[in-house]
Amino acid sequence: MKENVLDVLMYLFETYTDADTEPEPDRNALRDELERAGFHHGEIDKALEWLDGLAARDEDPAWQSPTERAIRVFSEEEFMRLDAACRGYIMYLEQIGILSPAQRELVIDRVMALGSEEVDIEQIKWVVLMILFSQPGQETAYARMEDLVFEDQVTAAH
């Protein structure tokens, strides 16, 4: 099985968004569950670090600082890993009101933290869903993003 960090995160996301309750398993129980699901230790560790990074960014007030009028300039590393379509898609989500400037920064940070050499729009969509799901008060933005993700999957199947 050739999985990556995003595969582990998507498994967790799909498992816990479908749950009726919001269980908070301890790290060891989560690690055991992921191993039983067939994921390797390295990818599990990276996914748990990714989630820790998401939680840390949510709690850090410095990440709330971009204003509505801020202009985003991509770093050289971001420019190399996010092609024009990816950068454009992130900006599009901000322009249509799904992402705030602070959330845009969080998306870029978490996409870069995936460690993938190449990033595609599908990866960005799932990262956005996970971020919006993790933030209170983002139900409308989450629903709009979910519609975009699953609308594209339905049209791709036809």
N, C-alpha and C. Protein backbone atom coordinates (compact mmCIF):
# COMPACT_ATOMS: atom_id res chain seq x y z
N MET A 1 0.85 -1.19 0.00
CA MET A 1 0.00 0.00 0.00
C MET A 1 0.89 1.24 0.00
N LYS A 2 0.76 2.05 -1.00
CA LYS A 2 1.55 3.28 -1.11
C LYS A 2 0.67 4.44 -0.64
N GLU A 3 0.79 4.76 0.62
CA GLU A 3 -0.02 5.86 1.15
C GLU A 3 0.87 7.03 1.49
N ASN A 4 0.23 8.16 1.68
CA ASN A 4 0.95 9.34 2.11
C ASN A 4 0.21 9.95 3.30
N VAL A 5 0.73 11.05 3.78
CA VAL A 5 0.13 11.70 4.95
C VAL A 5 -1.33 12.04 4.69
N LEU A 6 -1.63 12.53 3.51
CA LEU A 6 -3.01 12.92 3.21
C LEU A 6 -3.95 11.71 3.26
N ASP A 7 -3.50 10.55 2.84
CA ASP A 7 -4.34 9.35 2.93
C ASP A 7 -4.70 9.05 4.38
N VAL A 8 -3.73 9.16 5.27
CA VAL A 8 -3.98 8.92 6.69
C VAL A 8 -4.96 9.96 7.22
N LEU A 9 -4.73 11.23 6.87
CA LEU A 9 -5.60 12.30 7.34
C LEU A 9 -7.02 12.13 6.81
N MET A 10 -7.14 11.74 5.54
CA MET A 10 -8.47 11.55 4.96
C MET A 10 -9.19 10.39 5.65
N TYR A 11 -8.47 9.34 5.98
CA TYR A 11 -9.07 8.23 6.70
C TYR A 11 -9.63 8.71 8.04
N LEU A 12 -8.82 9.46 8.77
CA LEU A 12 -9.26 9.98 10.07
C LEU A 12 -10.45 10.92 9.90
N PHE A 13 -10.36 11.80 8.92
CA PHE A 13 -11.42 12.77 8.67
C PHE A 13 -12.73 12.07 8.36
N GLU A 14 -12.68 11.12 7.45
CA GLU A 14 -13.91 10.41 7.06
C GLU A 14 -14.45 9.56 8.20
N THR A 15 -13.56 8.99 9.00
CA THR A 15 -13.99 8.16 10.13
C THR A 15 -14.67 9.00 11.20
N TYR A 16 -14.07 10.14 11.53
CA TYR A 16 -14.60 10.91 12.65
C TYR A 16 -15.65 11.94 12.26
N THR A 17 -15.76 12.30 10.99
CA THR A 17 -16.86 13.19 10.61
C THR A 17 -18.16 12.41 10.49
N ASP A 18 -18.06 11.12 10.24
CA ASP A 18 -19.26 10.29 10.15
C ASP A 18 -19.75 9.82 11.51
N ALA A 19 -18.93 9.97 12.53
CA ALA A 19 -19.31 9.50 13.87
C ALA A 19 -20.39 10.40 14.46
N ASP A 20 -21.33 9.79 15.18
CA ASP A 20 -22.41 10.56 15.81
C ASP A 20 -21.90 11.40 16.96
N THR A 21 -20.93 10.90 17.66
CA THR A 21 -20.34 11.63 18.78
C THR A 21 -18.97 12.13 18.38
N GLU A 22 -18.39 12.94 19.22
CA GLU A 22 -17.05 13.46 18.93
C GLU A 22 -16.06 12.82 19.89
N PRO A 23 -15.67 11.58 19.60
CA PRO A 23 -14.73 10.92 20.50
C PRO A 23 -13.35 11.56 20.36
N GLU A 24 -12.64 11.57 21.45
CA GLU A 24 -11.28 12.08 21.42
C GLU A 24 -10.36 10.96 21.90
N PRO A 25 -10.02 10.04 20.98
CA PRO A 25 -9.18 8.93 21.40
C PRO A 25 -7.79 9.44 21.77
N ASP A 26 -7.15 8.71 22.69
CA ASP A 26 -5.79 9.11 23.01
C ASP A 26 -4.88 8.75 21.85
N ARG A 27 -3.71 9.31 21.88
CA ARG A 27 -2.78 9.17 20.76
C ARG A 27 -2.43 7.70 20.49
N ASN A 28 -2.27 6.92 21.54
CA ASN A 28 -1.92 5.51 21.36
C ASN A 28 -3.06 4.73 20.73
N ALA A 29 -4.29 5.01 21.16
CA ALA A 29 -5.45 4.33 20.57
C ALA A 29 -5.59 4.71 19.10
N LEU A 30 -5.37 5.97 18.80
CA LEU A 30 -5.44 6.44 17.42
C LEU A 30 -4.37 5.77 16.57
N ARG A 31 -3.16 5.71 17.11
CA ARG A 31 -2.05 5.07 16.40
C ARG A 31 -2.37 3.59 16.14
N ASP A 32 -2.92 2.90 17.16
CA ASP A 32 -3.28 1.49 17.00
C ASP A 32 -4.35 1.32 15.92
N GLU A 33 -5.35 2.19 15.93
CA GLU A 33 -6.42 2.11 14.92
C GLU A 33 -5.85 2.29 13.52
N LEU A 34 -4.95 3.26 13.35
CA LEU A 34 -4.36 3.51 12.04
C LEU A 34 -3.49 2.35 11.58
N GLU A 35 -2.78 1.74 12.50
CA GLU A 35 -1.97 0.56 12.15
C GLU A 35 -2.87 -0.59 11.72
N ARG A 36 -3.99 -0.80 12.43
CA ARG A 36 -4.93 -1.86 12.05
C ARG A 36 -5.53 -1.57 10.67
N ALA A 37 -5.66 -0.29 10.33
CA ALA A 37 -6.21 0.07 9.02
C ALA A 37 -5.18 -0.11 7.90
N GLY A 38 -3.93 -0.42 8.29
CA GLY A 38 -2.91 -0.72 7.28
C GLY A 38 -1.92 0.38 6.99
N PHE A 39 -1.94 1.44 7.77
CA PHE A 39 -1.00 2.53 7.55
C PHE A 39 0.32 2.25 8.25
N HIS A 40 1.41 2.76 7.69
CA HIS A 40 2.75 2.54 8.22
C HIS A 40 3.09 3.58 9.29
N HIS A 41 4.00 3.21 10.18
CA HIS A 41 4.39 4.07 11.30
C HIS A 41 4.82 5.46 10.85
N GLY A 42 5.65 5.53 9.82
CA GLY A 42 6.17 6.83 9.37
C GLY A 42 5.06 7.78 8.95
N GLU A 43 4.11 7.26 8.19
CA GLU A 43 3.01 8.10 7.73
C GLU A 43 2.07 8.46 8.87
N ILE A 44 1.89 7.55 9.80
CA ILE A 44 1.05 7.84 10.98
C ILE A 44 1.68 8.96 11.79
N ASP A 45 2.99 8.87 12.03
CA ASP A 45 3.69 9.91 12.78
C ASP A 45 3.57 11.27 12.10
N LYS A 46 3.75 11.28 10.78
CA LYS A 46 3.66 12.54 10.03
C LYS A 46 2.24 13.12 10.10
N ALA A 47 1.24 12.25 10.01
CA ALA A 47 -0.15 12.71 10.07
C ALA A 47 -0.47 13.29 11.45
N LEU A 48 0.01 12.64 12.50
CA LEU A 48 -0.23 13.16 13.85
C LEU A 48 0.49 14.48 14.06
N GLU A 49 1.69 14.61 13.51
CA GLU A 49 2.41 15.90 13.57
C GLU A 49 1.63 16.97 12.81
N TRP A 50 1.05 16.60 11.67
CA TRP A 50 0.26 17.54 10.87
C TRP A 50 -0.92 18.04 11.69
N LEU A 51 -1.60 17.14 12.37
CA LEU A 51 -2.75 17.52 13.21
C LEU A 51 -2.30 18.40 14.37
N ASP A 52 -1.14 18.09 14.96
CA ASP A 52 -0.61 18.94 16.02
C ASP A 52 -0.34 20.35 15.49
N GLY A 53 0.20 20.42 14.27
CA GLY A 53 0.45 21.72 13.65
C GLY A 53 -0.82 22.50 13.40
N LEU A 54 -1.87 21.80 13.00
CA LEU A 54 -3.17 22.45 12.79
C LEU A 54 -3.70 23.01 14.09
N ALA A 55 -3.63 22.22 15.14
CA ALA A 55 -4.12 22.68 16.46
C ALA A 55 -3.29 23.87 16.95
N ALA A 56 -2.00 23.82 16.75
CA ALA A 56 -1.13 24.92 17.20
C ALA A 56 -1.44 26.20 16.45
N ARG A 57 -1.70 26.10 15.16
CA ARG A 57 -2.00 27.29 14.35
C ARG A 57 -3.35 27.88 14.75
N ASP A 58 -4.32 27.02 15.05
CA ASP A 58 -5.64 27.50 15.47
C ASP A 58 -5.56 28.30 16.76
N GLU A 59 -4.63 27.93 17.62
CA GLU A 59 -4.51 28.59 18.92
C GLU A 59 -3.58 29.79 18.91
N ASP A 60 -2.82 29.99 17.84
CA ASP A 60 -1.83 31.05 17.77
C ASP A 60 -2.47 32.33 17.22
N PRO A 61 -2.58 33.40 18.04
CA PRO A 61 -3.22 34.63 17.57
C PRO A 61 -2.47 35.30 16.42
N ALA A 62 -1.21 35.02 16.26
CA ALA A 62 -0.46 35.62 15.14
C ALA A 62 -1.02 35.17 13.80
N TRP A 63 -1.64 34.01 13.75
CA TRP A 63 -2.21 33.50 12.50
C TRP A 63 -3.54 34.16 12.17
N GLN A 64 -4.04 34.98 13.06
CA GLN A 64 -5.29 35.68 12.80
C GLN A 64 -5.05 37.08 12.23
N SER A 65 -3.80 37.42 11.94
CA SER A 65 -3.45 38.79 11.62
C SER A 65 -3.70 39.29 10.20
N PRO A 66 -3.70 38.46 9.15
CA PRO A 66 -3.89 39.04 7.82
C PRO A 66 -5.21 39.80 7.71
N THR A 67 -5.14 40.96 7.11
CA THR A 67 -6.35 41.75 6.94
C THR A 67 -7.03 41.41 5.62
N GLU A 68 -8.22 41.88 5.46
CA GLU A 68 -8.97 41.64 4.22
C GLU A 68 -8.27 42.24 3.00
N ARG A 69 -7.46 43.26 3.23
CA ARG A 69 -6.81 43.94 2.11
C ARG A 69 -5.37 43.46 1.89
N ALA A 70 -4.96 42.43 2.62
CA ALA A 70 -3.59 41.92 2.49
C ALA A 70 -3.40 41.30 1.10
N ILE A 71 -2.21 41.44 0.59
CA ILE A 71 -1.84 40.83 -0.69
C ILE A 71 -0.91 39.66 -0.37
N ARG A 72 -1.18 38.52 -0.94
CA ARG A 72 -0.40 37.32 -0.66
C ARG A 72 0.71 37.19 -1.70
N VAL A 73 1.94 37.12 -1.23
CA VAL A 73 3.08 36.86 -2.08
C VAL A 73 3.61 35.49 -1.65
N PHE A 74 3.68 34.58 -2.59
CA PHE A 74 4.13 33.23 -2.28
C PHE A 74 5.65 33.17 -2.18
N SER A 75 6.13 32.38 -1.21
CA SER A 75 7.57 32.19 -1.07
C SER A 75 8.08 31.34 -2.23
N GLU A 76 9.37 31.26 -2.36
CA GLU A 76 9.96 30.46 -3.44
C GLU A 76 9.57 28.99 -3.30
N GLU A 77 9.60 28.46 -2.07
CA GLU A 77 9.24 27.06 -1.85
C GLU A 77 7.76 26.83 -2.18
N GLU A 78 6.90 27.74 -1.76
CA GLU A 78 5.47 27.62 -2.07
C GLU A 78 5.26 27.68 -3.57
N PHE A 79 5.96 28.57 -4.21
CA PHE A 79 5.84 28.74 -5.66
C PHE A 79 6.26 27.47 -6.40
N MET A 80 7.29 26.80 -5.88
CA MET A 80 7.78 25.59 -6.52
C MET A 80 6.82 24.41 -6.33
N ARG A 81 6.19 24.31 -5.16
CA ARG A 81 5.34 23.15 -4.87
C ARG A 81 3.88 23.36 -5.24
N LEU A 82 3.44 24.61 -5.30
CA LEU A 82 2.05 24.92 -5.68
C LEU A 82 2.06 25.52 -7.08
N ASP A 83 1.57 24.78 -8.05
CA ASP A 83 1.55 25.33 -9.41
C ASP A 83 0.50 26.44 -9.52
N ALA A 84 0.43 27.04 -10.68
CA ALA A 84 -0.48 28.18 -10.88
C ALA A 84 -1.93 27.79 -10.60
N ALA A 85 -2.32 26.57 -10.97
CA ALA A 85 -3.70 26.14 -10.74
C ALA A 85 -3.99 26.04 -9.24
N CYS A 86 -3.05 25.52 -8.48
CA CYS A 86 -3.24 25.40 -7.02
C CYS A 86 -3.30 26.77 -6.36
N ARG A 87 -2.36 27.63 -6.72
CA ARG A 87 -2.36 28.98 -6.13
C ARG A 87 -3.65 29.71 -6.50
N GLY A 88 -4.06 29.57 -7.74
CA GLY A 88 -5.30 30.20 -8.19
C GLY A 88 -6.52 29.66 -7.47
N TYR A 89 -6.55 28.36 -7.21
CA TYR A 89 -7.69 27.76 -6.53
C TYR A 89 -7.80 28.27 -5.10
N ILE A 90 -6.69 28.39 -4.42
CA ILE A 90 -6.69 28.92 -3.05
C ILE A 90 -7.22 30.35 -3.06
N MET A 91 -6.75 31.15 -4.00
CA MET A 91 -7.21 32.54 -4.09
C MET A 91 -8.69 32.60 -4.45
N TYR A 92 -9.13 31.70 -5.32
CA TYR A 92 -10.54 31.62 -5.70
C TYR A 92 -11.41 31.35 -4.47
N LEU A 93 -10.98 30.40 -3.63
CA LEU A 93 -11.75 30.08 -2.42
C LEU A 93 -11.84 31.28 -1.49
N GLU A 94 -10.79 32.06 -1.46
CA GLU A 94 -10.83 33.28 -0.64
C GLU A 94 -11.77 34.32 -1.27
N GLN A 95 -11.70 34.47 -2.56
CA GLN A 95 -12.53 35.47 -3.25
C GLN A 95 -14.02 35.17 -3.14
N ILE A 96 -14.40 33.89 -3.13
CA ILE A 96 -15.83 33.57 -3.03
C ILE A 96 -16.29 33.44 -1.59
N GLY A 97 -15.40 33.72 -0.65
CA GLY A 97 -15.80 33.79 0.75
C GLY A 97 -15.76 32.49 1.53
N ILE A 98 -15.21 31.44 0.95
CA ILE A 98 -15.08 30.19 1.70
C ILE A 98 -13.94 30.29 2.70
N LEU A 99 -12.86 30.94 2.31
CA LEU A 99 -11.70 31.12 3.20
C LEU A 99 -11.52 32.59 3.55
N SER A 100 -11.17 32.85 4.78
CA SER A 100 -10.74 34.19 5.19
C SER A 100 -9.24 34.28 4.90
N PRO A 101 -8.67 35.48 4.97
CA PRO A 101 -7.22 35.57 4.78
C PRO A 101 -6.44 34.71 5.77
N ALA A 102 -6.87 34.66 7.03
CA ALA A 102 -6.18 33.82 8.02
C ALA A 102 -6.31 32.34 7.66
N GLN A 103 -7.47 31.93 7.19
CA GLN A 103 -7.66 30.54 6.80
C GLN A 103 -6.84 30.21 5.55
N ARG A 104 -6.73 31.16 4.64
CA ARG A 104 -5.89 30.98 3.46
C ARG A 104 -4.46 30.65 3.88
N GLU A 105 -3.96 31.41 4.86
CA GLU A 105 -2.61 31.17 5.35
C GLU A 105 -2.49 29.80 6.00
N LEU A 106 -3.51 29.41 6.73
CA LEU A 106 -3.52 28.11 7.38
C LEU A 106 -3.54 27.00 6.33
N VAL A 107 -4.32 27.17 5.29
CA VAL A 107 -4.38 26.18 4.20
C VAL A 107 -2.99 26.04 3.56
N ILE A 108 -2.37 27.15 3.24
CA ILE A 108 -1.05 27.09 2.62
C ILE A 108 -0.05 26.41 3.56
N ASP A 109 -0.08 26.77 4.82
CA ASP A 109 0.82 26.17 5.80
C ASP A 109 0.61 24.66 5.88
N ARG A 110 -0.64 24.24 5.98
CA ARG A 110 -0.92 22.81 6.14
C ARG A 110 -0.68 22.03 4.84
N VAL A 111 -0.92 22.63 3.69
CA VAL A 111 -0.62 21.97 2.42
C VAL A 111 0.89 21.76 2.31
N MET A 112 1.65 22.78 2.68
CA MET A 112 3.11 22.65 2.63
C MET A 112 3.59 21.61 3.63
N ALA A 113 2.91 21.49 4.77
CA ALA A 113 3.30 20.54 5.80
C ALA A 113 3.02 19.08 5.41
N LEU A 114 2.24 18.87 4.35
CA LEU A 114 2.00 17.51 3.88
C LEU A 114 3.29 16.85 3.41
N GLY A 115 4.22 17.67 2.95
CA GLY A 115 5.50 17.15 2.51
C GLY A 115 5.49 16.56 1.11
N SER A 116 4.41 16.70 0.38
CA SER A 116 4.33 16.18 -0.98
C SER A 116 5.20 17.03 -1.90
N GLU A 117 5.89 16.36 -2.80
CA GLU A 117 6.70 17.09 -3.78
C GLU A 117 5.80 17.93 -4.69
N GLU A 118 4.73 17.29 -5.14
CA GLU A 118 3.77 17.98 -6.00
C GLU A 118 2.42 18.01 -5.30
N VAL A 119 1.79 19.15 -5.34
CA VAL A 119 0.49 19.33 -4.72
C VAL A 119 -0.52 19.53 -5.85
N ASP A 120 -1.69 18.90 -5.71
CA ASP A 120 -2.73 19.12 -6.70
C ASP A 120 -3.98 19.70 -6.02
N ILE A 121 -4.92 20.11 -6.83
CA ILE A 121 -6.12 20.78 -6.33
C ILE A 121 -6.94 19.84 -5.44
N GLU A 122 -6.96 18.55 -5.74
CA GLU A 122 -7.70 17.60 -4.89
C GLU A 122 -7.14 17.60 -3.48
N GLN A 123 -5.83 17.63 -3.34
CA GLN A 123 -5.22 17.69 -2.02
C GLN A 123 -5.64 18.97 -1.30
N ILE A 124 -5.63 20.06 -2.01
CA ILE A 124 -6.03 21.34 -1.42
C ILE A 124 -7.47 21.29 -0.94
N LYS A 125 -8.35 20.72 -1.74
CA LYS A 125 -9.76 20.63 -1.35
C LYS A 125 -9.93 19.88 -0.03
N TRP A 126 -9.22 18.77 0.12
CA TRP A 126 -9.36 17.98 1.34
C TRP A 126 -8.76 18.71 2.54
N VAL A 127 -7.66 19.40 2.33
CA VAL A 127 -7.06 20.17 3.42
C VAL A 127 -8.02 21.28 3.86
N VAL A 128 -8.63 21.95 2.89
CA VAL A 128 -9.60 23.00 3.22
C VAL A 128 -10.76 22.42 4.02
N LEU A 129 -11.30 21.29 3.58
CA LEU A 129 -12.39 20.66 4.33
C LEU A 129 -11.98 20.35 5.77
N MET A 130 -10.79 19.80 5.95
CA MET A 130 -10.33 19.45 7.30
C MET A 130 -10.17 20.70 8.16
N ILE A 131 -9.65 21.75 7.58
CA ILE A 131 -9.45 22.99 8.34
C ILE A 131 -10.79 23.59 8.72
N LEU A 132 -11.71 23.69 7.77
CA LEU A 132 -13.01 24.28 8.07
C LEU A 132 -13.77 23.44 9.09
N PHE A 133 -13.65 22.12 9.00
CA PHE A 133 -14.31 21.24 9.95
C PHE A 133 -13.77 21.44 11.36
N SER A 134 -12.48 21.73 11.45
CA SER A 134 -11.83 21.86 12.76
C SER A 134 -12.10 23.18 13.45
N GLN A 135 -12.66 24.15 12.72
CA GLN A 135 -12.85 25.48 13.29
C GLN A 135 -14.33 25.72 13.59
N PRO A 136 -14.63 26.12 14.83
CA PRO A 136 -16.03 26.40 15.18
C PRO A 136 -16.58 27.58 14.39
N GLY A 137 -17.86 27.51 14.08
CA GLY A 137 -18.52 28.62 13.39
C GLY A 137 -18.31 28.62 11.89
N GLN A 138 -17.75 27.57 11.34
CA GLN A 138 -17.46 27.54 9.90
C GLN A 138 -18.37 26.57 9.15
N GLU A 139 -19.53 26.31 9.71
CA GLU A 139 -20.43 25.32 9.13
C GLU A 139 -20.86 25.69 7.71
N THR A 140 -21.17 26.96 7.49
CA THR A 140 -21.60 27.39 6.16
C THR A 140 -20.48 27.26 5.15
N ALA A 141 -19.30 27.73 5.51
CA ALA A 141 -18.15 27.62 4.61
C ALA A 141 -17.83 26.16 4.35
N TYR A 142 -17.92 25.33 5.38
CA TYR A 142 -17.67 23.90 5.23
C TYR A 142 -18.67 23.29 4.25
N ALA A 143 -19.94 23.62 4.40
CA ALA A 143 -20.97 23.07 3.52
C ALA A 143 -20.75 23.50 2.07
N ARG A 144 -20.36 24.76 1.88
CA ARG A 144 -20.08 25.25 0.52
C ARG A 144 -18.88 24.52 -0.07
N MET A 145 -17.86 24.30 0.73
CA MET A 145 -16.67 23.60 0.24
C MET A 145 -16.99 22.14 -0.04
N GLU A 146 -17.77 21.54 0.82
CA GLU A 146 -18.18 20.15 0.61
C GLU A 146 -18.93 20.02 -0.71
N ASP A 147 -19.80 20.98 -1.01
CA ASP A 147 -20.52 20.97 -2.28
C ASP A 147 -19.54 21.04 -3.45
N LEU A 148 -18.53 21.89 -3.35
CA LEU A 148 -17.53 22.00 -4.42
C LEU A 148 -16.77 20.69 -4.60
N VAL A 149 -16.38 20.06 -3.51
CA VAL A 149 -15.60 18.82 -3.58
C VAL A 149 -16.43 17.72 -4.22
N PHE A 150 -17.64 17.52 -3.72
CA PHE A 150 -18.43 16.40 -4.20
C PHE A 150 -19.11 16.68 -5.53
N GLU A 151 -19.36 17.94 -5.85
CA GLU A 151 -19.87 18.30 -7.17
C GLU A 151 -18.85 17.94 -8.23
N ASP A 152 -17.59 18.26 -7.98
CA ASP A 152 -16.54 17.93 -8.93
C ASP A 152 -16.37 16.43 -9.09
N GLN A 153 -16.54 15.66 -8.01
CA GLN A 153 -16.40 14.21 -8.10
C GLN A 153 -17.53 13.59 -8.90
N VAL A 154 -18.74 14.14 -8.78
CA VAL A 154 -19.88 13.62 -9.53
C VAL A 154 -19.72 13.89 -11.01
N THR A 155 -19.31 15.11 -11.37
CA THR A 155 -19.14 15.44 -12.78
C THR A 155 -17.98 14.69 -13.37
N ALA A 156 -16.95 14.37 -12.59
CA ALA A 156 -15.81 13.61 -13.09
C ALA A 156 -16.19 12.16 -13.38
N ALA A 157 -17.19 11.65 -12.65
CA ALA A 157 -17.62 10.27 -12.84
C ALA A 157 -18.47 10.07 -14.09
N HIS A 158 -19.01 11.14 -14.63
CA HIS A 158 -19.89 11.02 -15.81
C HIS A 158 -19.14 11.14 -17.09
